[in-house]
Structure formats: C-alpha cells, structure tokens
Protein backbone atom coordinates (compact mmCIF):
# COMPACT_ATOMS: atom_id res chain seq x y z
CA MET A 1 26.18 -32.07 42.17
CA ALA A 2 27.56 -28.75 40.93
CA ARG A 3 27.71 -26.01 43.52
CA THR A 4 25.43 -23.04 42.90
CA ASN A 5 25.55 -21.38 46.31
CA HIS A 6 28.19 -18.80 45.41
CA GLN A 7 27.39 -15.49 43.78
CA LYS A 8 28.43 -16.40 40.24
CA LEU A 9 28.32 -19.45 38.03
CA ARG A 10 31.94 -20.49 37.68
CA VAL A 11 33.12 -21.93 34.38
CA GLY A 12 36.16 -24.07 33.63
CA ILE A 13 37.15 -24.23 29.96
CA VAL A 14 38.85 -27.32 28.57
CA GLY A 15 40.05 -26.63 25.06
CA ALA A 16 40.34 -22.90 24.41
CA GLY A 17 40.63 -22.69 20.65
CA ASP A 18 39.33 -20.23 18.10
CA ILE A 19 35.67 -21.24 18.33
CA VAL A 20 35.63 -20.84 22.10
CA ARG A 21 37.45 -17.51 21.89
CA THR A 22 35.44 -15.96 19.06
CA ARG A 23 31.99 -17.51 19.46
CA HIS A 24 31.39 -18.84 22.98
CA LEU A 25 33.38 -16.46 25.15
CA PRO A 26 31.56 -13.30 23.96
CA GLY A 27 28.24 -15.03 24.71
CA LEU A 28 29.38 -15.99 28.19
CA LYS A 29 30.73 -12.52 28.93
CA LYS A 30 27.28 -11.04 28.34
CA HIS A 31 26.24 -12.65 31.64
CA SER A 32 27.53 -10.65 34.59
CA ASP A 33 26.84 -13.57 36.90
CA VAL A 34 29.05 -15.97 34.91
CA GLU A 35 32.81 -16.08 35.45
CA VAL A 36 35.54 -18.06 33.68
CA VAL A 37 37.83 -19.16 36.50
CA ALA A 38 40.12 -21.82 35.00
CA VAL A 39 41.39 -22.81 31.56
CA SER A 40 43.17 -25.92 30.32
CA ASN A 41 44.38 -26.05 26.73
CA ALA A 42 46.66 -28.19 24.57
CA THR A 43 49.67 -26.73 26.39
CA TYR A 44 50.07 -24.78 29.61
CA GLU A 45 51.58 -21.91 27.60
CA SER A 46 48.55 -21.63 25.31
CA ALA A 47 46.20 -21.77 28.31
CA GLU A 48 48.22 -19.02 29.99
CA ARG A 49 48.10 -16.90 26.83
CA PHE A 50 44.34 -17.39 26.50
CA CYS A 51 43.82 -16.23 30.08
CA GLN A 52 46.05 -13.19 29.66
CA GLU A 53 44.25 -12.09 26.50
CA ASN A 54 40.66 -13.08 27.28
CA ALA A 55 40.09 -13.89 30.96
CA PRO A 56 42.76 -12.22 33.11
CA SER A 57 41.29 -13.45 36.39
CA ALA A 58 41.21 -17.10 35.27
CA VAL A 59 43.88 -19.62 36.27
CA PRO A 60 45.69 -21.53 33.51
CA MET A 61 46.07 -25.23 34.27
CA GLN A 62 48.30 -27.91 32.81
CA ASN A 63 45.88 -30.86 33.01
CA TRP A 64 42.15 -30.96 32.40
CA ALA A 65 41.71 -33.63 35.08
CA ASP A 66 43.05 -31.19 37.69
CA LEU A 67 40.62 -28.54 36.45
CA LEU A 68 37.69 -30.94 36.84
CA ALA A 69 38.78 -31.63 40.41
CA LEU A 70 38.34 -27.99 41.48
CA PRO A 71 35.39 -28.16 43.91
CA ASP A 72 33.87 -24.73 43.27
CA ILE A 73 33.47 -24.98 39.48
CA ASP A 74 29.88 -25.33 38.31
CA ILE A 75 30.29 -25.73 34.55
CA ILE A 76 32.79 -27.46 32.29
CA TRP A 77 32.90 -25.90 28.83
CA ILE A 78 34.49 -28.39 26.40
CA GLY A 79 36.06 -26.88 23.30
CA THR A 80 38.44 -29.71 22.38
CA PRO A 81 38.34 -31.82 19.20
CA PRO A 82 36.09 -34.93 19.34
CA TYR A 83 38.73 -37.38 20.59
CA MET A 84 38.52 -35.89 24.10
CA HIS A 85 34.77 -35.29 24.35
CA SER A 86 33.67 -38.56 25.89
CA ALA A 87 36.39 -38.81 28.55
CA ILE A 88 36.00 -35.19 29.68
CA THR A 89 32.19 -35.30 29.64
CA VAL A 90 31.88 -38.48 31.68
CA SER A 91 34.55 -37.32 34.16
CA ALA A 92 32.93 -33.89 34.52
CA LEU A 93 29.51 -35.36 35.22
CA GLU A 94 31.00 -37.73 37.76
CA ALA A 95 32.62 -34.69 39.39
CA GLY A 96 29.21 -33.00 39.65
CA LYS A 97 29.63 -30.40 36.91
CA HIS A 98 27.20 -29.23 34.24
CA VAL A 99 28.63 -29.86 30.76
CA PHE A 100 28.56 -27.92 27.52
CA CYS A 101 30.32 -29.83 24.73
CA GLN A 102 31.51 -28.53 21.40
CA ALA A 103 30.30 -30.48 18.35
CA ARG A 104 30.77 -33.06 16.89
CA MET A 105 29.56 -35.15 19.83
CA SER A 106 32.16 -37.92 19.86
CA MET A 107 34.54 -40.09 17.87
CA ASP A 108 31.95 -42.76 17.12
CA LEU A 109 28.59 -44.17 18.17
CA VAL A 110 29.94 -46.14 21.13
CA GLU A 111 31.35 -43.01 22.73
CA ALA A 112 28.11 -41.12 22.08
CA GLU A 113 26.18 -43.87 23.85
CA GLU A 114 28.58 -43.65 26.80
CA MET A 115 28.04 -39.90 27.05
CA LEU A 116 24.26 -40.23 26.94
CA ALA A 117 24.32 -43.00 29.55
CA ALA A 118 26.41 -40.82 31.87
CA SER A 119 24.03 -37.88 31.47
CA LYS A 120 21.12 -40.11 32.44
CA ARG A 121 22.96 -41.17 35.60
CA TYR A 122 23.09 -37.51 36.65
CA PRO A 123 19.74 -36.04 35.55
CA GLU A 124 20.15 -33.09 37.90
CA LEU A 125 23.08 -31.86 35.79
CA VAL A 126 22.56 -29.93 32.55
CA THR A 127 24.18 -31.24 29.38
CA MET A 128 24.14 -29.59 25.97
CA LEU A 129 25.91 -29.93 22.63
CA CYS A 130 26.84 -27.01 20.45
CA PRO A 131 24.33 -26.75 17.59
CA PRO A 132 25.41 -26.16 13.99
CA PRO A 133 25.16 -22.48 13.04
CA PHE A 134 23.79 -23.37 9.60
CA GLY A 135 20.08 -22.80 9.15
CA LEU A 136 19.47 -21.14 12.51
CA ARG A 137 18.14 -17.91 11.04
CA GLY A 138 15.49 -19.61 8.90
CA ASP A 139 14.81 -22.58 11.17
CA LEU A 140 11.31 -21.57 12.27
CA LEU A 141 10.23 -20.62 8.76
CA VAL A 142 11.33 -24.00 7.37
CA LYS A 143 9.49 -25.78 10.17
CA LYS A 144 6.40 -23.65 9.48
CA LEU A 145 6.40 -24.45 5.76
CA LEU A 146 6.72 -28.16 6.47
CA ALA A 147 4.14 -28.15 9.28
CA GLU A 148 1.62 -26.33 7.08
CA ASN A 149 2.20 -28.89 4.32
CA TYR A 150 3.22 -26.15 1.88
CA LEU A 151 5.32 -28.61 -0.11
CA GLY A 152 3.10 -31.62 0.37
CA ARG A 153 4.79 -34.80 1.48
CA PRO A 154 8.57 -34.55 0.83
CA HIS A 155 9.87 -37.26 -1.46
CA HIS A 156 13.30 -36.07 -2.64
CA ILE A 157 16.00 -34.35 -0.58
CA ARG A 158 19.23 -33.04 -2.08
CA LEU A 159 22.08 -31.47 -0.11
CA GLN A 160 25.28 -30.07 -1.55
CA CYS A 161 28.18 -28.92 0.62
CA PHE A 162 31.25 -28.19 -1.49
CA SER A 163 34.49 -26.41 -0.65
CA SER A 164 38.13 -26.41 -1.78
CA ALA A 165 39.57 -26.62 1.75
CA TYR A 166 41.56 -29.79 1.02
CA LEU A 167 42.35 -29.22 -2.65
CA ASN A 168 45.98 -28.21 -2.13
CA PRO A 169 48.03 -31.42 -1.93
CA ASP A 170 50.99 -29.65 -0.33
CA THR A 171 49.20 -28.64 2.86
CA PRO A 172 49.55 -30.82 5.97
CA ALA A 173 46.60 -32.90 7.11
CA HIS A 174 44.08 -30.76 8.95
CA TRP A 175 43.02 -32.15 12.34
CA ARG A 176 39.63 -32.95 10.82
CA GLN A 177 41.44 -35.24 8.36
CA ARG A 178 43.13 -37.15 11.19
CA ILE A 179 40.94 -40.04 12.29
CA GLU A 180 42.72 -40.29 15.66
CA ILE A 181 41.50 -36.75 16.42
CA SER A 182 38.16 -36.46 14.61
CA GLY A 183 37.06 -40.11 14.66
CA LEU A 184 34.40 -41.10 12.13
CA ASN A 185 33.31 -37.50 11.59
CA VAL A 186 33.90 -36.57 7.93
CA LEU A 187 33.75 -33.04 6.53
CA ALA A 188 30.36 -31.45 7.39
CA LEU A 189 28.46 -34.75 7.46
CA GLY A 190 27.36 -34.65 11.11
CA ILE A 191 26.54 -30.95 10.96
CA TYR A 192 24.14 -31.30 8.07
CA VAL A 193 22.67 -34.58 9.27
CA GLU A 194 21.72 -32.73 12.45
CA VAL A 195 20.06 -29.95 10.42
CA LEU A 196 18.24 -32.37 8.09
CA GLN A 197 16.92 -34.53 10.92
CA ARG A 198 15.72 -31.45 12.79
CA TRP A 199 13.59 -30.48 9.79
CA LEU A 200 12.74 -33.75 8.05
CA GLY A 201 12.97 -36.51 10.65
CA ASP A 202 15.37 -39.38 11.10
CA ILE A 203 17.52 -40.89 8.39
CA THR A 204 16.91 -44.65 8.53
CA GLY A 205 19.43 -46.05 6.06
CA VAL A 206 22.45 -45.07 3.96
CA PHE A 207 24.69 -46.19 1.14
CA ALA A 208 27.91 -44.21 1.14
CA ARG A 209 30.92 -43.89 -1.11
CA GLY A 210 34.03 -41.88 -0.31
CA LYS A 211 37.09 -40.68 -2.18
CA ILE A 212 40.53 -39.67 -0.97
CA LEU A 213 42.19 -37.44 -3.55
CA PHE A 214 45.45 -36.97 -1.71
CA GLY A 215 46.28 -40.00 0.42
CA ASN A 216 49.54 -38.71 1.83
CA ARG A 217 50.05 -35.29 3.29
CA GLN A 218 53.61 -34.54 4.37
CA GLY A 219 54.16 -38.12 5.48
CA TYR A 220 50.76 -38.61 7.10
CA ASP A 221 48.54 -41.29 5.52
CA VAL A 222 45.02 -39.90 5.28
CA ILE A 223 42.12 -42.35 5.60
CA VAL A 224 39.34 -39.80 6.19
CA PRO A 225 37.61 -39.14 2.83
CA ASP A 226 38.01 -35.86 0.98
CA LEU A 227 34.60 -36.45 -0.61
CA LEU A 228 31.39 -38.27 0.32
CA ASN A 229 28.41 -39.26 -1.81
CA ILE A 230 25.52 -40.68 0.21
CA LEU A 231 22.19 -42.12 -0.78
CA CYS A 232 19.83 -42.11 2.18
CA LYS A 233 16.26 -42.79 3.19
CA PHE A 234 14.21 -40.82 5.70
CA GLU A 235 11.66 -42.18 8.13
CA ASN A 236 8.94 -40.23 6.30
CA GLY A 237 9.72 -42.16 3.10
CA ALA A 238 11.73 -39.45 1.34
CA GLU A 239 14.87 -40.40 -0.56
CA GLY A 240 17.96 -38.25 -0.21
CA VAL A 241 21.24 -37.51 -1.97
CA LEU A 242 23.95 -35.91 0.17
CA GLU A 243 27.06 -34.63 -1.64
CA ILE A 244 29.80 -33.38 0.66
CA SER A 245 33.28 -32.47 -0.56
CA GLY A 246 36.39 -30.56 0.45
CA ILE A 247 38.06 -30.87 -2.97
CA ASN A 248 35.78 -28.87 -5.29
CA ALA A 249 37.41 -25.80 -6.83
CA LEU A 250 35.32 -22.65 -7.22
CA ALA A 251 32.44 -24.29 -5.42
CA SER A 252 29.15 -22.53 -4.87
CA GLY A 253 27.64 -22.19 -1.40
CA ASP A 254 26.01 -24.96 0.61
CA ARG A 255 22.48 -25.64 -0.57
CA LEU A 256 19.48 -27.78 0.35
CA GLU A 257 16.66 -28.70 -2.00
CA VAL A 258 13.42 -30.29 -0.75
CA TYR A 259 10.96 -31.59 -3.34
CA GLY A 260 7.46 -32.49 -2.23
CA GLU A 261 4.29 -33.71 -3.88
CA ALA A 262 2.96 -30.16 -4.07
CA GLY A 263 6.00 -27.91 -4.21
CA THR A 264 9.70 -27.21 -3.77
CA MET A 265 11.86 -25.38 -1.23
CA THR A 266 15.52 -24.41 -1.40
CA TYR A 267 17.76 -23.11 1.38
CA ASP A 268 21.04 -21.31 0.69
CA PHE A 269 23.01 -21.73 3.91
CA GLY A 270 25.54 -19.06 3.01
CA THR A 271 22.95 -16.31 2.73
CA ASP A 272 20.03 -17.83 4.68
CA THR A 273 17.90 -17.32 1.58
CA ILE A 274 14.81 -19.51 1.43
CA GLN A 275 12.94 -19.90 -1.85
CA ALA A 276 9.79 -21.91 -2.37
CA GLY A 277 6.99 -22.49 -4.82
CA ARG A 278 4.03 -24.73 -5.41
CA ASP A 279 3.14 -26.78 -8.44
CA GLY A 280 1.73 -24.38 -11.03
CA ASP A 281 3.86 -21.38 -10.04
CA ARG A 282 6.04 -19.86 -12.75
CA ASP A 283 9.15 -20.09 -10.55
CA LEU A 284 10.42 -20.29 -7.01
CA HIS A 285 10.06 -17.07 -5.03
CA ALA A 286 11.85 -15.71 -1.98
CA MET A 287 10.19 -16.39 1.37
CA GLU A 288 10.53 -13.55 3.85
CA ILE A 289 11.92 -14.42 7.26
CA THR A 290 9.72 -12.13 9.31
CA PRO A 291 10.95 -10.84 12.69
CA GLU A 292 8.77 -13.23 14.70
CA LEU A 293 10.23 -16.19 12.77
CA GLU A 294 13.84 -15.03 12.64
CA GLY A 295 16.21 -17.26 14.60
CA GLY A 296 19.81 -16.72 15.58
CA TRP A 297 22.69 -17.71 17.81
CA HIS A 298 21.75 -17.73 21.52
CA VAL A 299 23.54 -20.92 22.52
CA GLU A 300 25.27 -19.58 25.60
CA ASP A 301 22.07 -17.91 26.80
CA ASP A 302 20.15 -21.18 26.46
CA PHE A 303 22.72 -23.16 28.40
CA ILE A 304 23.12 -20.66 31.22
CA ALA A 305 19.32 -20.32 31.56
CA ALA A 306 19.03 -24.10 31.84
CA VAL A 307 21.67 -24.26 34.57
CA LYS A 308 19.93 -21.49 36.50
CA SER A 309 16.61 -23.33 36.19
CA LYS A 310 18.09 -26.19 38.23
CA GLY A 311 16.88 -28.81 35.80
CA ARG A 312 13.46 -27.40 34.95
CA VAL A 313 14.68 -26.37 31.48
CA ARG A 314 16.58 -28.76 29.20
CA PRO A 315 18.48 -27.01 26.39
CA LEU A 316 18.74 -28.37 22.85
CA PRO A 317 20.54 -30.02 21.22
CA ASP A 318 20.91 -32.48 24.09
CA PHE A 319 22.79 -35.77 24.07
CA GLU A 320 19.75 -37.56 22.65
CA GLU A 321 19.93 -35.29 19.60
CA GLY A 322 23.65 -35.90 19.35
CA LEU A 323 23.15 -39.64 19.43
CA ARG A 324 20.70 -39.34 16.53
CA TYR A 325 23.29 -37.81 14.21
CA MET A 326 26.12 -40.01 15.47
CA ARG A 327 24.04 -43.05 14.49
CA VAL A 328 24.07 -41.77 10.92
CA VAL A 329 27.79 -40.91 11.05
CA GLN A 330 28.48 -44.47 12.21
CA ALA A 331 26.24 -45.97 9.52
CA VAL A 332 28.01 -43.95 6.80
CA ALA A 333 31.38 -45.25 7.99
CA ASP A 334 30.06 -48.82 8.11
CA SER A 335 28.54 -48.50 4.63
CA ARG A 336 31.79 -47.22 3.15
CA ALA A 337 33.75 -50.02 4.79
CA ARG A 338 31.37 -52.76 3.63
CA ASN A 339 30.29 -51.18 0.31
CA GLU A 340 26.65 -51.93 1.05
CA TRP A 341 23.39 -50.39 2.25
CA VAL A 342 23.36 -50.03 6.05
CA ASP A 343 20.28 -49.47 8.18
CA VAL A 344 20.79 -46.79 10.81
CA LYS A 345 20.76 -48.19 14.34
CA ARG A 346 17.64 -47.24 16.24
C-alpha cells in the first residue's frame, strides 16, 4: 500500500507532455502538501528539461519501471498516450501506488478490463481517469433539465464534432492517427461517449462507418479513420447519430442536440451555451448556468482529496466509468470491421 506517513504526498509523473504541464501540474501545485519528486518521459533529456522548467526538486528518470520502484512515492500520475496506460497502471497498483491516468483509458476493451480488475484487487488504492473537459461547466444544469423531465423522454440524440485537424495531406501522421499508439480510440469518440453516457445513460448498440481521406502520410499507412458516422441506440430507447470528423474545413463548433417528447435542448461545447425550449415555444432560449449549478475543472483537487480520505471517497470518473466508454469504442471498431450492427458488451 502507498506510504502516507511522510509530511507530503509524493507524486511520480510518467509521461510529462503538454497536458500534464499546462493542465495537471498547476492543479497539483495548488496543494502545498503535494510534491512532484520524480519524472519519467519519452527520453531522459525531456524528463530532465521538464524538471528544470517545472519541478526543480524532482529527479528525472530514464525508465518508468524504476520510478515505480521508488518506495516513498504515493501517487503515479500517468500522462502517456494510451498504449502505455494498462502496463503502467497495473504495475503501479502492484507496487502499492495510487493511480491517476490520463484519458483515453486504454488501447482497447481487453486492456480496460485488465485495469479495472487490477483496481479491484487493491481497493485500498485510489484510481481515477481524467475526465473530458467538454460539458463540465453546464453538467449540473443538463442533469437538472433531464431529471426534471423538461424535455420529456429523449428519443433523438445528435452529436457533431468537426475539425480540420487532419485536412492537410502533407502533414505527418499525428500520434492519435497511429493505431500502435492510440489503439482503437478514434478522434473524439471516447470523449463524447463519456459525456453522452453521463447525461443520457448507456449506449447499447452501434453501426459505424469510417473514412480515411489520406491513407498515407509521409510513408506511414494510416488505418485510423479521419471521419466516423455512427448510428447508436441508448438504453433509454433513444436513437442517436454521432458525426465525428477531423477533415471538415471551416467547421463550426462541437454541438449536441437532444430531442424529447416535450422539448429540445442544445449544448454548444465551445461556448458552454445551453439552449432549450418546450413544444409550443416560439424558439429555443438560453438557459442560465447559475452559480450554484456552474461546474468546472477541479480534477486534481478531487483526486488528492480522495487519496487523503484513505479510501472513504472515490473520485469520478473511475475505472468502471472508463470501461463503459471503452465498451462503445470497441463496439464501434468491431462494427466498422464487420460492416454490421454490434451490440455493446455489457
């Protein structure tokens, strides 16, 4: 079990990229009783540079396995791409460390199941996945509208997530386009599945089509789709259409539309603007996110509080939540491969 008898919670970072540096590290530094003591990155030189610029008292390390073996580290903070998540998580838990893991959870469903099984073997250790930032500000208001049956029973869900990130054929393959690094995770699929299932319940089946616009990028053969179109069904009976693309020029912002028997709600994820209206209204109208309903980013606070609680508090999203969206990610990949409707594993 992780040691907690010293004065500070000691953190070892594995994978110190831009998200860790710009998003997680400032949140950790707000806690005077939390200290980053060791960093392992893609290369020793990059780990050394990260320490010099961001955590001068931390020790750069060549290998993540050696970092995990340090006996006085309490927390392993994983900021690597998905291909390393399962191995580091399982090893860290076996070494008695609490684990925070950057999203997406894993390469595929099998690895996600392995991670969850390991967390259950060590229930005294805290595990948490990084949540998607999209929809956090309006999360409670959306849940309130749905709980109060403002829309009636949802029957049609439409999500659009368009960008031009992969529209230039001359750019090299991004790591997210490399299946050996990102696994079955495609574009923002897992991110938005997590958001949708948080608000609307589980997706139970999918039919997915994908398109690769540029199959070769500087000699690398891309097999991860540039575009996904997904028909899906929710446990509550609603039908959904998910359109996710990285090859749409001049695309508008990400947008969710929820149509119910009594009304409609839209969510603009770029501006956190929620509009809604009921049957008979002249038009949709803006819904105010009042201070008591306003959410935000407090991921690091949640995780550190859970560790300090010694297991009394379990932060979300946990590995159970991660498994829920990885089931859909796996089903989408299976549907594309077989060109047929696939029920999501339960």
